[in-house]
Amino acid sequence: MRRRPRAGAAAPAVPPEKRVRLGNPELDRLWNLSEDNASALREKRDAAPAAEAYLQNVVDDMDPEAQIEEAYKSKNDKTYVWKALRLIAKADMGAFQRLGAEDMETVVPAMLGVEPPGRPTETDGAEPEGDGEGGPAAMETGGEDASK
C-alpha cells in the first residue's frame, strides 16, 4: 500500500530512481527536496528581514497618536527584542553597544536616522529664548527690564 502525500506537501524534485532513503519519512522528504542539495541552500526562502523594516515598529510604538500602552509596546516583547538585538548587532555595532546604557527607544531612531515621534521640535510653537520675564535677558539685569 502506498502512502498518500501530505496535503500541501511539495512533490520531491528528485526522480524516484535517485531518491535516498534515510529511514525516517521526514528526513527522506527533506533530503529529496532537490536533486542538488547545494542549490537548495542558495534559495532565499526565509531570509532575515532588513533591520530598518523590522525596527520601524519601535518608532511606530513611540508615536503618542498610536496610543499604545507601555506594556504592549514592541520593546517589551522578549522575542521581538531578541530578534531586534541580533539585527542591530549585524547592522550597526555602535548602536548595539549603546543599548547597554540607553533604552531601545533612544537608540533605534538615531540608528534609523529618523526624528523620534512625539518629541516637540523647535517649530512646534516653542517659545523662543529671551522673550518673557524669565529669559536670559532678565537674568543679566537682575530680573528688571533693560529698557527702563
C-alpha atoms as a PDB file:
ATOM      1  CA  MET A   1       0.000   0.000   0.000  1.00  0.00           C
ATOM      2  CA  ARG A   2       1.358   3.414  -0.996  1.00  0.00           C
ATOM      3  CA  ARG A   3       1.072   6.378   1.278  1.00  0.00           C
ATOM      4  CA  ARG A   4      -0.591   9.493   0.018  1.00  0.00           C
ATOM      5  CA  PRO A   5       1.487  12.645   0.238  1.00  0.00           C
ATOM      6  CA  ARG A   6       0.526  15.117   2.929  1.00  0.00           C
ATOM      7  CA  ALA A   7      -1.807  17.892   1.913  1.00  0.00           C
ATOM      8  CA  GLY A   8       0.231  20.938   0.907  1.00  0.00           C
ATOM      9  CA  ALA A   9       3.484  18.991   0.717  1.00  0.00           C
ATOM     10  CA  ALA A  10       5.588  19.678  -2.334  1.00  0.00           C
ATOM     11  CA  ALA A  11       6.426  16.749  -4.532  1.00  0.00           C
ATOM     12  CA  PRO A  12      10.107  15.815  -4.344  1.00  0.00           C
ATOM     13  CA  ALA A  13      12.189  17.197  -7.183  1.00  0.00           C
ATOM     14  CA  VAL A  14      14.356  14.089  -7.221  1.00  0.00           C
ATOM     15  CA  PRO A  15      13.341  11.330  -9.645  1.00  0.00           C
ATOM     16  CA  PRO A  16      12.327   8.064  -7.928  1.00  0.00           C
ATOM     17  CA  GLU A  17      15.429   6.199  -9.124  1.00  0.00           C
ATOM     18  CA  LYS A  18      17.732   8.759  -7.431  1.00  0.00           C
ATOM     19  CA  ARG A  19      15.859   9.152  -4.140  1.00  0.00           C
ATOM     20  CA  VAL A  20      17.742   8.473  -0.958  1.00  0.00           C
ATOM     21  CA  ARG A  21      16.025   6.673   1.889  1.00  0.00           C
ATOM     22  CA  LEU A  22      17.248   7.637   5.340  1.00  0.00           C
ATOM     23  CA  GLY A  23      14.830   5.548   7.394  1.00  0.00           C
ATOM     24  CA  ASN A  24      12.612   8.390   8.560  1.00  0.00           C
ATOM     25  CA  PRO A  25       9.878   9.774   6.293  1.00  0.00           C
ATOM     26  CA  GLU A  26      10.551  13.398   7.281  1.00  0.00           C
ATOM     27  CA  LEU A  27      14.311  13.061   6.711  1.00  0.00           C
ATOM     28  CA  ASP A  28      13.619  11.357   3.385  1.00  0.00           C
ATOM     29  CA  ARG A  29      11.396  14.262   2.353  1.00  0.00           C
ATOM     30  CA  LEU A  30      13.919  16.903   3.396  1.00  0.00           C
ATOM     31  CA  TRP A  31      16.863  15.167   1.741  1.00  0.00           C
ATOM     32  CA  ASN A  32      14.986  14.717  -1.517  1.00  0.00           C
ATOM     33  CA  LEU A  33      13.585  18.250  -1.865  1.00  0.00           C
ATOM     34  CA  SER A  34      16.043  18.997  -4.638  1.00  0.00           C
ATOM     35  CA  GLU A  35      18.360  16.937  -6.740  1.00  0.00           C
ATOM     36  CA  ASP A  36      21.343  19.055  -5.781  1.00  0.00           C
ATOM     37  CA  ASN A  37      21.240  19.961  -2.073  1.00  0.00           C
ATOM     38  CA  ALA A  38      23.809  22.742  -2.524  1.00  0.00           C
ATOM     39  CA  SER A  39      21.436  24.616  -4.850  1.00  0.00           C
ATOM     40  CA  ALA A  40      18.662  24.315  -2.258  1.00  0.00           C
ATOM     41  CA  LEU A  41      20.863  26.166   0.222  1.00  0.00           C
ATOM     42  CA  ARG A  42      21.179  29.143  -2.125  1.00  0.00           C
ATOM     43  CA  GLU A  43      17.430  29.759  -2.169  1.00  0.00           C
ATOM     44  CA  LYS A  44      16.321  32.747  -0.067  1.00  0.00           C
ATOM     45  CA  ARG A  45      13.137  31.302   1.383  1.00  0.00           C
ATOM     46  CA  ASP A  46      13.240  32.552   4.962  1.00  0.00           C
ATOM     47  CA  ALA A  47      15.788  35.327   4.822  1.00  0.00           C
ATOM     48  CA  ALA A  48      16.080  37.629   7.821  1.00  0.00           C
ATOM     49  CA  PRO A  49      14.183  40.906   7.470  1.00  0.00           C
ATOM     50  CA  ALA A  50      16.064  44.144   6.942  1.00  0.00           C
ATOM     51  CA  ALA A  51      16.916  45.851  10.239  1.00  0.00           C
ATOM     52  CA  GLU A  52      15.283  49.116   9.147  1.00  0.00           C
ATOM     53  CA  ALA A  53      11.961  47.471   8.332  1.00  0.00           C
ATOM     54  CA  TYR A  54      11.928  45.330  11.481  1.00  0.00           C
ATOM     55  CA  LEU A  55      12.890  48.166  13.841  1.00  0.00           C
ATOM     56  CA  GLN A  56      10.276  50.550  12.419  1.00  0.00           C
ATOM     57  CA  ASN A  57       7.826  49.016  14.938  1.00  0.00           C
ATOM     58  CA  VAL A  58       9.761  50.623  17.798  1.00  0.00           C
ATOM     59  CA  VAL A  59       9.456  54.056  16.181  1.00  0.00           C
ATOM     60  CA  ASP A  60       5.765  53.488  15.420  1.00  0.00           C
ATOM     61  CA  ASP A  61       5.126  52.466  19.049  1.00  0.00           C
ATOM     62  CA  MET A  62       6.664  55.732  20.256  1.00  0.00           C
ATOM     63  CA  ASP A  63       4.038  57.836  18.435  1.00  0.00           C
ATOM     64  CA  PRO A  64       1.630  59.268  21.037  1.00  0.00           C
ATOM     65  CA  GLU A  65      -1.181  59.298  18.460  1.00  0.00           C
ATOM     66  CA  ALA A  66      -0.992  55.480  18.293  1.00  0.00           C
ATOM     67  CA  GLN A  67      -1.949  55.390  21.997  1.00  0.00           C
ATOM     68  CA  ILE A  68      -0.088  52.152  22.697  1.00  0.00           C
ATOM     69  CA  GLU A  69       0.201  51.352  26.380  1.00  0.00           C
ATOM     70  CA  GLU A  70       3.730  50.807  27.684  1.00  0.00           C
ATOM     71  CA  ALA A  71       3.099  47.123  28.425  1.00  0.00           C
ATOM     72  CA  TYR A  72       2.081  46.411  24.812  1.00  0.00           C
ATOM     73  CA  LYS A  73       4.998  48.105  23.050  1.00  0.00           C
ATOM     74  CA  SER A  74       7.358  46.034  20.925  1.00  0.00           C
ATOM     75  CA  LYS A  75      10.288  46.873  23.188  1.00  0.00           C
ATOM     76  CA  ASN A  76       8.635  44.817  25.961  1.00  0.00           C
ATOM     77  CA  ASP A  77       8.172  41.662  23.862  1.00  0.00           C
ATOM     78  CA  LYS A  78      11.101  39.354  24.654  1.00  0.00           C
ATOM     79  CA  THR A  79      11.024  37.597  21.279  1.00  0.00           C
ATOM     80  CA  TYR A  80      10.905  40.880  19.370  1.00  0.00           C
ATOM     81  CA  VAL A  81      13.769  42.313  21.438  1.00  0.00           C
ATOM     82  CA  TRP A  82      15.913  39.214  20.877  1.00  0.00           C
ATOM     83  CA  LYS A  83      15.457  39.419  17.096  1.00  0.00           C
ATOM     84  CA  ALA A  84      15.966  43.192  17.150  1.00  0.00           C
ATOM     85  CA  LEU A  85      19.216  42.860  19.095  1.00  0.00           C
ATOM     86  CA  ARG A  86      20.562  40.360  16.561  1.00  0.00           C
ATOM     87  CA  LEU A  87      19.631  42.628  13.647  1.00  0.00           C
ATOM     88  CA  ILE A  88      21.073  45.723  15.355  1.00  0.00           C
ATOM     89  CA  ALA A  89      24.338  43.898  16.090  1.00  0.00           C
ATOM     90  CA  LYS A  90      24.579  42.846  12.454  1.00  0.00           C
ATOM     91  CA  ALA A  91      23.723  46.292  11.066  1.00  0.00           C
ATOM     92  CA  ASP A  92      25.418  48.720  13.474  1.00  0.00           C
ATOM     93  CA  MET A  93      27.754  47.549  16.247  1.00  0.00           C
ATOM     94  CA  GLY A  94      27.961  51.067  17.714  1.00  0.00           C
ATOM     95  CA  ALA A  95      24.190  51.153  18.204  1.00  0.00           C
ATOM     96  CA  PHE A  96      24.336  47.683  19.735  1.00  0.00           C
ATOM     97  CA  GLN A  97      26.932  48.856  22.253  1.00  0.00           C
ATOM     98  CA  ARG A  98      24.836  51.925  23.158  1.00  0.00           C
ATOM     99  CA  LEU A  99      21.938  49.619  24.063  1.00  0.00           C
ATOM    100  CA  GLY A 100      23.842  48.628  27.198  1.00  0.00           C
ATOM    101  CA  ALA A 101      23.421  52.120  28.634  1.00  0.00           C
ATOM    102  CA  GLU A 102      20.428  53.536  26.732  1.00  0.00           C
ATOM    103  CA  ASP A 103      16.852  52.493  26.056  1.00  0.00           C
ATOM    104  CA  MET A 104      15.832  50.937  22.734  1.00  0.00           C
ATOM    105  CA  GLU A 105      13.525  53.916  22.095  1.00  0.00           C
ATOM    106  CA  THR A 106      16.564  56.196  22.216  1.00  0.00           C
ATOM    107  CA  VAL A 107      18.959  54.115  20.112  1.00  0.00           C
ATOM    108  CA  VAL A 108      16.669  52.895  17.302  1.00  0.00           C
ATOM    109  CA  PRO A 109      15.519  56.307  15.960  1.00  0.00           C
ATOM    110  CA  ALA A 110      19.124  57.526  15.968  1.00  0.00           C
ATOM    111  CA  MET A 111      20.216  54.356  14.167  1.00  0.00           C
ATOM    112  CA  LEU A 112      17.482  54.724  11.544  1.00  0.00           C
ATOM    113  CA  GLY A 113      18.138  58.441  11.159  1.00  0.00           C
ATOM    114  CA  VAL A 114      14.563  59.491  11.942  1.00  0.00           C
ATOM    115  CA  GLU A 115      13.229  62.033  14.402  1.00  0.00           C
ATOM    116  CA  PRO A 116      11.512  60.283  17.324  1.00  0.00           C
ATOM    117  CA  PRO A 117       7.751  60.883  17.109  1.00  0.00           C
ATOM    118  CA  GLY A 118       6.047  62.770  19.879  1.00  0.00           C
ATOM    119  CA  ARG A 119       9.020  64.937  20.796  1.00  0.00           C
ATOM    120  CA  PRO A 120       8.462  68.643  20.179  1.00  0.00           C
ATOM    121  CA  THR A 121      10.607  70.215  17.518  1.00  0.00           C
ATOM    122  CA  GLU A 122      11.716  73.840  17.563  1.00  0.00           C
ATOM    123  CA  THR A 123       8.938  74.826  15.132  1.00  0.00           C
ATOM    124  CA  ASP A 124       6.118  73.290  17.216  1.00  0.00           C
ATOM    125  CA  GLY A 125       5.262  76.601  18.858  1.00  0.00           C
ATOM    126  CA  ALA A 126       8.036  76.559  21.406  1.00  0.00           C
ATOM    127  CA  GLU A 127       8.632  79.988  22.873  1.00  0.00           C
ATOM    128  CA  PRO A 128      11.903  81.490  21.635  1.00  0.00           C
ATOM    129  CA  GLU A 129      14.532  82.158  24.264  1.00  0.00           C
ATOM    130  CA  GLY A 130      14.894  85.705  25.551  1.00  0.00           C
ATOM    131  CA  ASP A 131      11.175  86.551  25.346  1.00  0.00           C
ATOM    132  CA  GLY A 132       9.222  86.707  28.555  1.00  0.00           C
ATOM    133  CA  GLU A 133      10.172  87.517  32.075  1.00  0.00           C
ATOM    134  CA  GLY A 134      12.370  84.561  32.936  1.00  0.00           C
ATOM    135  CA  GLY A 135      14.638  84.571  29.870  1.00  0.00           C
ATOM    136  CA  PRO A 136      18.385  85.162  29.770  1.00  0.00           C
ATOM    137  CA  ALA A 137      17.951  88.929  29.300  1.00  0.00           C
ATOM    138  CA  ALA A 138      16.083  89.183  32.599  1.00  0.00           C
ATOM    139  CA  MET A 139      18.785  87.198  34.370  1.00  0.00           C
ATOM    140  CA  GLU A 140      21.522  89.575  33.245  1.00  0.00           C
ATOM    141  CA  THR A 141      19.739  92.639  34.649  1.00  0.00           C
ATOM    142  CA  GLY A 142      18.645  91.053  37.888  1.00  0.00           C
ATOM    143  CA  GLY A 143      15.064  90.476  36.724  1.00  0.00           C
ATOM    144  CA  GLU A 144      14.431  94.045  35.634  1.00  0.00           C
ATOM    145  CA  ASP A 145      13.734  95.114  32.066  1.00  0.00           C
ATOM    146  CA  ALA A 146      16.866  96.629  30.471  1.00  0.00           C
ATOM    147  CA  SER A 147      14.870  99.271  28.580  1.00  0.00           C
ATOM    148  CA  LYS A 148      13.809 101.158  31.731  1.00  0.00           C
END
